[in-house]
């Protein structure tokens, strides 16, 4: 398993907990919105910043389709 995949799973689990939702439901929502790959591909940014920055970015992707930055 790659470091990127490990971090993606960590981010998914923690984001789901932050939203008080099941990780499967969160992943389905990301897939339905077509943003899962965008989130996965931002490993190099998300793993170096605070997790809250990733949450803000994901919230923006979910609501607007665009990154917060």
PDB file of N, CA and C in Angstrom:
ATOM      1  N   UNK A   1       0.854  -1.179   0.000  1.00  0.00           N
ATOM      2  CA  UNK A   1       0.000   0.000   0.000  1.00  0.00           C
ATOM      3  C   UNK A   1       0.900   1.242   0.000  1.00  0.00           C
ATOM      4  N   UNK A   2       0.583   2.193  -0.854  1.00  0.00           N
ATOM      5  CA  UNK A   2       1.391   3.406  -0.967  1.00  0.00           C
ATOM      6  C   UNK A   2       1.127   4.356   0.203  1.00  0.00           C
ATOM      7  N   UNK A   3       2.062   5.272   0.412  1.00  0.00           N
ATOM      8  CA  UNK A   3       1.877   6.299   1.440  1.00  0.00           C
ATOM      9  C   UNK A   3       0.667   7.173   1.109  1.00  0.00           C
ATOM     10  N   UNK A   4       0.467   7.417  -0.174  1.00  0.00           N
ATOM     11  CA  UNK A   4      -0.680   8.226  -0.595  1.00  0.00           C
ATOM     12  C   UNK A   4      -1.992   7.558  -0.213  1.00  0.00           C
ATOM     13  N   UNK A   5      -2.081   6.246  -0.437  1.00  0.00           N
ATOM     14  CA  UNK A   5      -3.306   5.511  -0.100  1.00  0.00           C
ATOM     15  C   UNK A   5      -3.522   5.471   1.407  1.00  0.00           C
ATOM     16  N   UNK A   6      -2.451   5.260   2.153  1.00  0.00           N
ATOM     17  CA  UNK A   6      -2.567   5.254   3.618  1.00  0.00           C
ATOM     18  C   UNK A   6      -3.100   6.595   4.107  1.00  0.00           C
ATOM     19  N   UNK A   7      -2.550   7.678   3.566  1.00  0.00           N
ATOM     20  CA  UNK A   7      -3.010   8.994   3.995  1.00  0.00           C
ATOM     21  C   UNK A   7      -4.446   9.243   3.554  1.00  0.00           C
ATOM     22  N   UNK A   8      -4.797   8.811   2.346  1.00  0.00           N
ATOM     23  CA  UNK A   8      -6.160   8.992   1.863  1.00  0.00           C
ATOM     24  C   UNK A   8      -7.152   8.304   2.798  1.00  0.00           C
ATOM     25  N   UNK A   9      -6.830   7.100   3.220  1.00  0.00           N
ATOM     26  CA  UNK A   9      -7.719   6.376   4.139  1.00  0.00           C
ATOM     27  C   UNK A   9      -7.790   7.091   5.485  1.00  0.00           C
ATOM     28  N   UNK A  10      -6.666   7.585   5.962  1.00  0.00           N
ATOM     29  CA  UNK A  10      -6.637   8.367   7.207  1.00  0.00           C
ATOM     30  C   UNK A  10      -7.525   9.602   7.063  1.00  0.00           C
ATOM     31  N   UNK A  11      -7.339  10.333   5.967  1.00  0.00           N
ATOM     32  CA  UNK A  11      -8.118  11.543   5.732  1.00  0.00           C
ATOM     33  C   UNK A  11      -9.606  11.233   5.638  1.00  0.00           C
ATOM     34  N   UNK A  12      -9.965  10.185   4.936  1.00  0.00           N
ATOM     35  CA  UNK A  12     -11.364   9.778   4.812  1.00  0.00           C
ATOM     36  C   UNK A  12     -11.964   9.475   6.183  1.00  0.00           C
ATOM     37  N   UNK A  13     -11.274   8.691   6.983  1.00  0.00           N
ATOM     38  CA  UNK A  13     -11.773   8.321   8.313  1.00  0.00           C
ATOM     39  C   UNK A  13     -11.928   9.542   9.214  1.00  0.00           C
ATOM     40  N   UNK A  14     -10.936  10.404   9.210  1.00  0.00           N
ATOM     41  CA  UNK A  14     -10.994  11.573  10.086  1.00  0.00           C
ATOM     42  C   UNK A  14     -12.002  12.608   9.599  1.00  0.00           C
ATOM     43  N   UNK A  15     -12.126  12.753   8.289  1.00  0.00           N
ATOM     44  CA  UNK A  15     -13.132  13.664   7.759  1.00  0.00           C
ATOM     45  C   UNK A  15     -14.532  13.160   8.099  1.00  0.00           C
ATOM     46  N   UNK A  16     -14.739  11.868   7.977  1.00  0.00           N
ATOM     47  CA  UNK A  16     -16.040  11.284   8.317  1.00  0.00           C
ATOM     48  C   UNK A  16     -16.359  11.525   9.794  1.00  0.00           C
ATOM     49  N   UNK A  17     -15.367  11.347  10.654  1.00  0.00           N
ATOM     50  CA  UNK A  17     -15.578  11.597  12.088  1.00  0.00           C
ATOM     51  C   UNK A  17     -15.873  13.071  12.335  1.00  0.00           C
ATOM     52  N   UNK A  18     -15.168  13.945  11.642  1.00  0.00           N
ATOM     53  CA  UNK A  18     -15.376  15.401  11.742  1.00  0.00           C
ATOM     54  C   UNK A  18     -16.810  15.763  11.357  1.00  0.00           C
ATOM     55  N   UNK A  19     -17.345  15.070  10.358  1.00  0.00           N
ATOM     56  CA  UNK A  19     -18.712  15.321   9.897  1.00  0.00           C
ATOM     57  C   UNK A  19     -19.743  14.452  10.604  1.00  0.00           C
ATOM     58  N   UNK A  20     -19.269  13.576  11.492  1.00  0.00           N
ATOM     59  CA  UNK A  20     -20.134  12.649  12.221  1.00  0.00           C
ATOM     60  C   UNK A  20     -20.951  11.784  11.243  1.00  0.00           C
ATOM     61  N   UNK A  21     -20.247  11.264  10.244  1.00  0.00           N
ATOM     62  CA  UNK A  21     -20.861  10.412   9.236  1.00  0.00           C
ATOM     63  C   UNK A  21     -20.044   9.138   9.097  1.00  0.00           C
ATOM     64  N   UNK A  22     -20.595   8.150   8.428  1.00  0.00           N
ATOM     65  CA  UNK A  22     -19.870   6.908   8.152  1.00  0.00           C
ATOM     66  C   UNK A  22     -18.919   7.149   6.986  1.00  0.00           C
ATOM     67  N   UNK A  23     -17.738   6.565   7.075  1.00  0.00           N
ATOM     68  CA  UNK A  23     -16.748   6.777   6.019  1.00  0.00           C
ATOM     69  C   UNK A  23     -17.262   6.293   4.656  1.00  0.00           C
ATOM     70  N   UNK A  24     -18.021   5.217   4.638  1.00  0.00           N
ATOM     71  CA  UNK A  24     -18.592   4.734   3.379  1.00  0.00           C
ATOM     72  C   UNK A  24     -19.535   5.742   2.752  1.00  0.00           C
ATOM     73  N   UNK A  25     -20.306   6.430   3.589  1.00  0.00           N
ATOM     74  CA  UNK A  25     -21.222   7.460   3.084  1.00  0.00           C
ATOM     75  C   UNK A  25     -20.454   8.658   2.536  1.00  0.00           C
ATOM     76  N   UNK A  26     -19.375   9.017   3.230  1.00  0.00           N
ATOM     77  CA  UNK A  26     -18.543  10.140   2.780  1.00  0.00           C
ATOM     78  C   UNK A  26     -17.904   9.798   1.437  1.00  0.00           C
ATOM     79  N   UNK A  27     -17.328   8.604   1.329  1.00  0.00           N
ATOM     80  CA  UNK A  27     -16.701   8.207   0.076  1.00  0.00           C
ATOM     81  C   UNK A  27     -17.724   8.169  -1.055  1.00  0.00           C
ATOM     82  N   UNK A  28     -18.913   7.697  -0.782  1.00  0.00           N
ATOM     83  CA  UNK A  28     -19.961   7.682  -1.810  1.00  0.00           C
ATOM     84  C   UNK A  28     -20.296   9.104  -2.258  1.00  0.00           C
ATOM     85  N   UNK A  29     -20.399  10.021  -1.312  1.00  0.00           N
ATOM     86  CA  UNK A  29     -20.686  11.418  -1.649  1.00  0.00           C
ATOM     87  C   UNK A  29     -19.563  11.996  -2.518  1.00  0.00           C
ATOM     88  N   UNK A  30     -18.312  11.718  -2.150  1.00  0.00           N
ATOM     89  CA  UNK A  30     -17.181  12.189  -2.947  1.00  0.00           C
ATOM     90  C   UNK A  30     -17.245  11.605  -4.352  1.00  0.00           C
ATOM     91  N   UNK A  31     -17.523  10.303  -4.433  1.00  0.00           N
ATOM     92  CA  UNK A  31     -17.617   9.652  -5.746  1.00  0.00           C
ATOM     93  C   UNK A  31     -18.754  10.247  -6.571  1.00  0.00           C
ATOM     94  N   UNK A  32     -19.897  10.450  -5.940  1.00  0.00           N
ATOM     95  CA  UNK A  32     -21.059  11.011  -6.645  1.00  0.00           C
ATOM     96  C   UNK A  32     -20.769  12.415  -7.185  1.00  0.00           C
ATOM     97  N   UNK A  33     -19.959  13.176  -6.442  1.00  0.00           N
ATOM     98  CA  UNK A  33     -19.607  14.533  -6.862  1.00  0.00           C
ATOM     99  C   UNK A  33     -18.400  14.560  -7.798  1.00  0.00           C
ATOM    100  N   UNK A  34     -17.758  13.416  -7.968  1.00  0.00           N
ATOM    101  CA  UNK A  34     -16.600  13.340  -8.847  1.00  0.00           C
ATOM    102  C   UNK A  34     -15.356  14.012  -8.297  1.00  0.00           C
ATOM    103  N   UNK A  35     -15.219  14.046  -6.962  1.00  0.00           N
ATOM    104  CA  UNK A  35     -14.076  14.742  -6.360  1.00  0.00           C
ATOM    105  C   UNK A  35     -13.086  13.807  -5.664  1.00  0.00           C
ATOM    106  N   UNK A  36     -13.347  12.524  -5.661  1.00  0.00           N
ATOM    107  CA  UNK A  36     -12.475  11.579  -4.957  1.00  0.00           C
ATOM    108  C   UNK A  36     -11.042  11.649  -5.482  1.00  0.00           C
ATOM    109  N   UNK A  37     -10.864  11.629  -6.774  1.00  0.00           N
ATOM    110  CA  UNK A  37      -9.519  11.684  -7.365  1.00  0.00           C
ATOM    111  C   UNK A  37      -8.837  13.010  -7.048  1.00  0.00           C
ATOM    112  N   UNK A  38      -9.584  14.101  -7.074  1.00  0.00           N
ATOM    113  CA  UNK A  38      -9.003  15.400  -6.734  1.00  0.00           C
ATOM    114  C   UNK A  38      -8.457  15.389  -5.312  1.00  0.00           C
ATOM    115  N   UNK A  39      -9.219  14.814  -4.400  1.00  0.00           N
ATOM    116  CA  UNK A  39      -8.790  14.732  -3.000  1.00  0.00           C
ATOM    117  C   UNK A  39      -7.562  13.837  -2.894  1.00  0.00           C
ATOM    118  N   UNK A  40      -7.616  12.680  -3.517  1.00  0.00           N
ATOM    119  CA  UNK A  40      -6.486  11.738  -3.481  1.00  0.00           C
ATOM    120  C   UNK A  40      -5.231  12.374  -4.073  1.00  0.00           C
ATOM    121  N   UNK A  41      -5.376  13.075  -5.177  1.00  0.00           N
ATOM    122  CA  UNK A  41      -4.227  13.669  -5.857  1.00  0.00           C
ATOM    123  C   UNK A  41      -3.597  14.827  -5.091  1.00  0.00           C
ATOM    124  N   UNK A  42      -4.278  15.356  -4.092  1.00  0.00           N
ATOM    125  CA  UNK A  42      -3.721  16.458  -3.306  1.00  0.00           C
ATOM    126  C   UNK A  42      -2.959  15.981  -2.074  1.00  0.00           C
ATOM    127  N   UNK A  43      -2.568  14.730  -2.077  1.00  0.00           N
ATOM    128  CA  UNK A  43      -1.762  14.171  -0.982  1.00  0.00           C
ATOM    129  C   UNK A  43      -0.590  15.080  -0.632  1.00  0.00           C
ATOM    130  N   UNK A  44       0.124  15.555  -1.633  1.00  0.00           N
ATOM    131  CA  UNK A  44       1.346  16.334  -1.387  1.00  0.00           C
ATOM    132  C   UNK A  44       1.053  17.646  -0.673  1.00  0.00           C
ATOM    133  N   UNK A  45      -0.131  18.145  -0.778  1.00  0.00           N
ATOM    134  CA  UNK A  45      -0.511  19.365  -0.035  1.00  0.00           C
ATOM    135  C   UNK A  45      -1.095  18.978   1.321  1.00  0.00           C
ATOM    136  N   UNK A  46      -2.062  18.091   1.322  1.00  0.00           N
ATOM    137  CA  UNK A  46      -2.803  17.769   2.544  1.00  0.00           C
ATOM    138  C   UNK A  46      -1.949  17.137   3.627  1.00  0.00           C
ATOM    139  N   UNK A  47      -0.958  16.338   3.278  1.00  0.00           N
ATOM    140  CA  UNK A  47      -0.197  15.659   4.326  1.00  0.00           C
ATOM    141  C   UNK A  47       0.838  16.566   4.976  1.00  0.00           C
ATOM    142  N   UNK A  48       1.043  17.769   4.423  1.00  0.00           N
ATOM    143  CA  UNK A  48       2.009  18.691   5.013  1.00  0.00           C
ATOM    144  C   UNK A  48       1.344  19.821   5.796  1.00  0.00           C
ATOM    145  N   UNK A  49       0.053  19.958   5.689  1.00  0.00           N
ATOM    146  CA  UNK A  49      -0.685  21.027   6.367  1.00  0.00           C
ATOM    147  C   UNK A  49      -1.509  20.457   7.513  1.00  0.00           C
ATOM    148  N   UNK A  50      -2.133  21.335   8.251  1.00  0.00           N
ATOM    149  CA  UNK A  50      -3.030  20.869   9.301  1.00  0.00           C
ATOM    150  C   UNK A  50      -4.241  20.199   8.651  1.00  0.00           C
ATOM    151  N   UNK A  51      -4.761  19.214   9.331  1.00  0.00           N
ATOM    152  CA  UNK A  51      -5.887  18.439   8.799  1.00  0.00           C
ATOM    153  C   UNK A  51      -7.108  19.335   8.571  1.00  0.00           C
ATOM    154  N   UNK A  52      -7.240  20.383   9.366  1.00  0.00           N
ATOM    155  CA  UNK A  52      -8.371  21.304   9.209  1.00  0.00           C
ATOM    156  C   UNK A  52      -8.344  22.008   7.851  1.00  0.00           C
ATOM    157  N   UNK A  53      -7.155  22.262   7.312  1.00  0.00           N
ATOM    158  CA  UNK A  53      -7.061  22.857   5.976  1.00  0.00           C
ATOM    159  C   UNK A  53      -7.624  21.910   4.925  1.00  0.00           C
ATOM    160  N   UNK A  54      -7.338  20.626   5.079  1.00  0.00           N
ATOM    161  CA  UNK A  54      -7.894  19.637   4.158  1.00  0.00           C
ATOM    162  C   UNK A  54      -9.412  19.599   4.287  1.00  0.00           C
ATOM    163  N   UNK A  55      -9.920  19.637   5.513  1.00  0.00           N
ATOM    164  CA  UNK A  55     -11.375  19.643   5.714  1.00  0.00           C
ATOM    165  C   UNK A  55     -12.015  20.837   5.009  1.00  0.00           C
ATOM    166  N   UNK A  56     -11.399  22.019   5.157  1.00  0.00           N
ATOM    167  CA  UNK A  56     -11.932  23.229   4.533  1.00  0.00           C
ATOM    168  C   UNK A  56     -11.934  23.077   3.013  1.00  0.00           C
ATOM    169  N   UNK A  57     -10.864  22.500   2.482  1.00  0.00           N
ATOM    170  CA  UNK A  57     -10.771  22.298   1.053  1.00  0.00           C
ATOM    171  C   UNK A  57     -11.827  21.309   0.568  1.00  0.00           C
ATOM    172  N   UNK A  58     -12.008  20.221   1.286  1.00  0.00           N
ATOM    173  CA  UNK A  58     -13.005  19.217   0.906  1.00  0.00           C
ATOM    174  C   UNK A  58     -14.408  19.803   0.986  1.00  0.00           C
ATOM    175  N   UNK A  59     -14.689  20.568   2.034  1.00  0.00           N
ATOM    176  CA  UNK A  59     -15.999  21.222   2.141  1.00  0.00           C
ATOM    177  C   UNK A  59     -16.245  22.123   0.938  1.00  0.00           C
ATOM    178  N   UNK A  60     -15.214  22.859   0.519  1.00  0.00           N
ATOM    179  CA  UNK A  60     -15.341  23.740  -0.639  1.00  0.00           C
ATOM    180  C   UNK A  60     -15.569  22.934  -1.917  1.00  0.00           C
ATOM    181  N   UNK A  61     -14.816  21.855  -2.087  1.00  0.00           N
ATOM    182  CA  UNK A  61     -15.016  20.984  -3.254  1.00  0.00           C
ATOM    183  C   UNK A  61     -16.437  20.443  -3.299  1.00  0.00           C
ATOM    184  N   UNK A  62     -16.953  20.073  -2.146  1.00  0.00           N
ATOM    185  CA  UNK A  62     -18.308  19.505  -2.082  1.00  0.00           C
ATOM    186  C   UNK A  62     -19.375  20.544  -2.384  1.00  0.00           C
ATOM    187  N   UNK A  63     -19.162  21.770  -1.950  1.00  0.00           N
ATOM    188  CA  UNK A  63     -20.210  22.784  -2.139  1.00  0.00           C
ATOM    189  C   UNK A  63     -20.083  23.554  -3.433  1.00  0.00           C
ATOM    190  N   UNK A  64     -18.853  23.760  -3.910  1.00  0.00           N
ATOM    191  CA  UNK A  64     -18.664  24.590  -5.103  1.00  0.00           C
ATOM    192  C   UNK A  64     -18.000  23.864  -6.267  1.00  0.00           C
ATOM    193  N   UNK A  65     -17.371  22.715  -5.970  1.00  0.00           N
ATOM    194  CA  UNK A  65     -16.612  22.017  -7.004  1.00  0.00           C
ATOM    195  C   UNK A  65     -15.217  22.565  -7.193  1.00  0.00           C
ATOM    196  N   UNK A  66     -14.860  23.557  -6.371  1.00  0.00           N
ATOM    197  CA  UNK A  66     -13.554  24.213  -6.494  1.00  0.00           C
ATOM    198  C   UNK A  66     -12.795  24.098  -5.176  1.00  0.00           C
ATOM    199  N   UNK A  67     -11.465  24.128  -5.287  1.00  0.00           N
ATOM    200  CA  UNK A  67     -10.626  24.117  -4.091  1.00  0.00           C
ATOM    201  C   UNK A  67     -10.771  25.436  -3.337  1.00  0.00           C
ATOM    202  N   UNK A  68     -10.577  25.394  -2.031  1.00  0.00           N
ATOM    203  CA  UNK A  68     -10.682  26.596  -1.199  1.00  0.00           C
ATOM    204  C   UNK A  68      -9.535  27.562  -1.470  1.00  0.00           C
ATOM    205  N   UNK A  69      -8.413  27.040  -1.901  1.00  0.00           N
ATOM    206  CA  UNK A  69      -7.258  27.897  -2.140  1.00  0.00           C
ATOM    207  C   UNK A  69      -7.302  28.377  -3.537  1.00  0.00           C
TER     208      UNK A  69
END
